[in-house]
Amino acid sequence: MANHKSAIKRMRQNEKRKLRNKARKTRIKNLVKAAETAIADKAADKAQEQLKLAQKGISKIASKGAIHKRKAARKISRLTKKFNALTRAAN
């Protein structure tokens, strides 16, 4: 347990940040899952909308520092690749 006033404050801040980042990471999982589900259902219009939301959400969360920018780019890239495969198969 911390003894100094500054260390106690730092512990409180870390706990708040941990909860905030946990919520953001959960949001990413939900966005990715929704996009992948739409792609799996072969609903191109819905998949495109979900992909757009996922890209926006992942980029925003990466900019806040909850995940690394390269991890965000990798997630977006993989989702886009799946969506492009769906659109190519439809044509």
C-alpha atoms as a PDB file:
ATOM      1  CA  MET A   1       0.000   0.000   0.000  1.00  0.00           C
ATOM      2  CA  ALA A   2       1.248   3.452  -0.884  1.00  0.00           C
ATOM      3  CA  ASN A   3       2.224   5.780   1.922  1.00  0.00           C
ATOM      4  CA  HIS A   4       2.843   9.071   0.138  1.00  0.00           C
ATOM      5  CA  LYS A   5      -0.009  11.351  -0.799  1.00  0.00           C
ATOM      6  CA  SER A   6       1.153  11.515  -4.418  1.00  0.00           C
ATOM      7  CA  ALA A   7       1.373   7.714  -4.630  1.00  0.00           C
ATOM      8  CA  ILE A   8      -2.162   7.340  -3.277  1.00  0.00           C
ATOM      9  CA  LYS A   9      -3.417   9.811  -5.873  1.00  0.00           C
ATOM     10  CA  ARG A  10      -1.504   7.958  -8.596  1.00  0.00           C
ATOM     11  CA  MET A  11      -3.207   4.696  -7.554  1.00  0.00           C
ATOM     12  CA  ARG A  12      -6.623   6.343  -7.854  1.00  0.00           C
ATOM     13  CA  GLN A  13      -5.741   7.704 -11.297  1.00  0.00           C
ATOM     14  CA  ASN A  14      -4.457   4.334 -12.460  1.00  0.00           C
ATOM     15  CA  GLU A  15      -7.657   2.615 -11.364  1.00  0.00           C
ATOM     16  CA  LYS A  16      -9.796   5.138 -13.264  1.00  0.00           C
ATOM     17  CA  ARG A  17      -7.657   4.754 -16.378  1.00  0.00           C
ATOM     18  CA  LYS A  18      -7.765   0.976 -16.147  1.00  0.00           C
ATOM     19  CA  LEU A  19     -11.567   0.982 -16.053  1.00  0.00           C
ATOM     20  CA  ARG A  20     -11.782   3.493 -18.888  1.00  0.00           C
ATOM     21  CA  ASN A  21      -9.389   1.502 -21.081  1.00  0.00           C
ATOM     22  CA  LYS A  22     -11.203  -1.737 -20.281  1.00  0.00           C
ATOM     23  CA  ALA A  23     -14.481  -0.207 -21.475  1.00  0.00           C
ATOM     24  CA  ARG A  24     -12.796   1.039 -24.652  1.00  0.00           C
ATOM     25  CA  LYS A  25     -11.267  -2.366 -25.405  1.00  0.00           C
ATOM     26  CA  THR A  26     -14.666  -3.999 -24.894  1.00  0.00           C
ATOM     27  CA  ARG A  27     -16.128  -1.472 -27.333  1.00  0.00           C
ATOM     28  CA  ILE A  28     -13.544  -2.506 -29.936  1.00  0.00           C
ATOM     29  CA  LYS A  29     -14.444  -6.180 -29.478  1.00  0.00           C
ATOM     30  CA  ASN A  30     -18.134  -5.400 -29.958  1.00  0.00           C
ATOM     31  CA  LEU A  31     -17.503  -3.280 -33.067  1.00  0.00           C
ATOM     32  CA  VAL A  32     -15.320  -5.964 -34.650  1.00  0.00           C
ATOM     33  CA  LYS A  33     -17.809  -8.700 -33.787  1.00  0.00           C
ATOM     34  CA  ALA A  34     -20.705  -6.735 -35.303  1.00  0.00           C
ATOM     35  CA  ALA A  35     -18.741  -6.136 -38.510  1.00  0.00           C
ATOM     36  CA  GLU A  36     -17.654  -9.772 -38.776  1.00  0.00           C
ATOM     37  CA  THR A  37     -21.212 -10.961 -38.184  1.00  0.00           C
ATOM     38  CA  ALA A  38     -22.502  -8.698 -40.961  1.00  0.00           C
ATOM     39  CA  ILE A  39     -19.778  -9.993 -43.285  1.00  0.00           C
ATOM     40  CA  ALA A  40     -20.588 -13.604 -42.388  1.00  0.00           C
ATOM     41  CA  ASP A  41     -24.282 -12.957 -43.152  1.00  0.00           C
ATOM     42  CA  LYS A  42     -23.186 -11.748 -46.607  1.00  0.00           C
ATOM     43  CA  ALA A  43     -25.184  -8.536 -46.186  1.00  0.00           C
ATOM     44  CA  ALA A  44     -22.963  -6.159 -48.162  1.00  0.00           C
ATOM     45  CA  ASP A  45     -24.809  -2.938 -47.264  1.00  0.00           C
ATOM     46  CA  LYS A  46     -24.965  -3.727 -43.558  1.00  0.00           C
ATOM     47  CA  ALA A  47     -21.369  -4.990 -43.605  1.00  0.00           C
ATOM     48  CA  GLN A  48     -20.162  -1.770 -45.207  1.00  0.00           C
ATOM     49  CA  GLU A  49     -21.945   0.314 -42.560  1.00  0.00           C
ATOM     50  CA  GLN A  50     -20.574  -1.825 -39.726  1.00  0.00           C
ATOM     51  CA  LEU A  51     -17.083  -1.693 -41.225  1.00  0.00           C
ATOM     52  CA  LYS A  52     -17.244   2.092 -41.362  1.00  0.00           C
ATOM     53  CA  LEU A  53     -18.348   2.271 -37.712  1.00  0.00           C
ATOM     54  CA  ALA A  54     -15.643  -0.179 -36.655  1.00  0.00           C
ATOM     55  CA  GLN A  55     -12.910   1.735 -38.474  1.00  0.00           C
ATOM     56  CA  LYS A  56     -13.984   5.000 -36.919  1.00  0.00           C
ATOM     57  CA  GLY A  57     -14.269   3.523 -33.437  1.00  0.00           C
ATOM     58  CA  ILE A  58     -10.967   1.653 -33.540  1.00  0.00           C
ATOM     59  CA  SER A  59      -9.088   4.717 -34.827  1.00  0.00           C
ATOM     60  CA  LYS A  60     -10.614   6.917 -32.162  1.00  0.00           C
ATOM     61  CA  ILE A  61      -9.731   4.503 -29.371  1.00  0.00           C
ATOM     62  CA  ALA A  62      -6.171   4.158 -30.685  1.00  0.00           C
ATOM     63  CA  SER A  63      -5.807   7.926 -30.676  1.00  0.00           C
ATOM     64  CA  LYS A  64      -6.761   7.926 -26.988  1.00  0.00           C
ATOM     65  CA  GLY A  65      -3.958   5.471 -26.275  1.00  0.00           C
ATOM     66  CA  ALA A  66      -6.024   2.505 -25.094  1.00  0.00           C
ATOM     67  CA  ILE A  67      -4.446   0.351 -27.817  1.00  0.00           C
ATOM     68  CA  HIS A  68      -1.346   0.818 -29.949  1.00  0.00           C
ATOM     69  CA  LYS A  69      -1.767   2.518 -33.320  1.00  0.00           C
ATOM     70  CA  ARG A  70      -0.308  -0.487 -35.162  1.00  0.00           C
ATOM     71  CA  LYS A  71      -2.721  -2.852 -33.456  1.00  0.00           C
ATOM     72  CA  ALA A  72      -5.556  -0.583 -34.574  1.00  0.00           C
ATOM     73  CA  ALA A  73      -4.222  -0.544 -38.140  1.00  0.00           C
ATOM     74  CA  ARG A  74      -3.945  -4.350 -38.099  1.00  0.00           C
ATOM     75  CA  LYS A  75      -7.541  -4.785 -36.891  1.00  0.00           C
ATOM     76  CA  ILE A  76      -8.866  -2.359 -39.502  1.00  0.00           C
ATOM     77  CA  SER A  77      -6.801  -4.028 -42.220  1.00  0.00           C
ATOM     78  CA  ARG A  78      -8.080  -7.506 -41.375  1.00  0.00           C
ATOM     79  CA  LEU A  79     -11.689  -6.336 -41.292  1.00  0.00           C
ATOM     80  CA  THR A  80     -11.304  -4.529 -44.617  1.00  0.00           C
ATOM     81  CA  LYS A  81      -9.711  -7.621 -46.156  1.00  0.00           C
ATOM     82  CA  LYS A  82     -12.695  -9.755 -45.093  1.00  0.00           C
ATOM     83  CA  PHE A  83     -15.139  -7.174 -46.448  1.00  0.00           C
ATOM     84  CA  ASN A  84     -13.300  -6.963 -49.767  1.00  0.00           C
ATOM     85  CA  ALA A  85     -13.410 -10.744 -50.091  1.00  0.00           C
ATOM     86  CA  LEU A  86     -17.189 -10.574 -49.577  1.00  0.00           C
ATOM     87  CA  THR A  87     -17.654  -7.902 -52.234  1.00  0.00           C
ATOM     88  CA  ARG A  88     -15.380  -9.770 -54.659  1.00  0.00           C
ATOM     89  CA  ALA A  89     -17.399 -12.963 -54.147  1.00  0.00           C
ATOM     90  CA  ALA A  90     -20.645 -11.080 -54.774  1.00  0.00           C
ATOM     91  CA  ASN A  91     -19.440  -9.806 -58.166  1.00  0.00           C
END
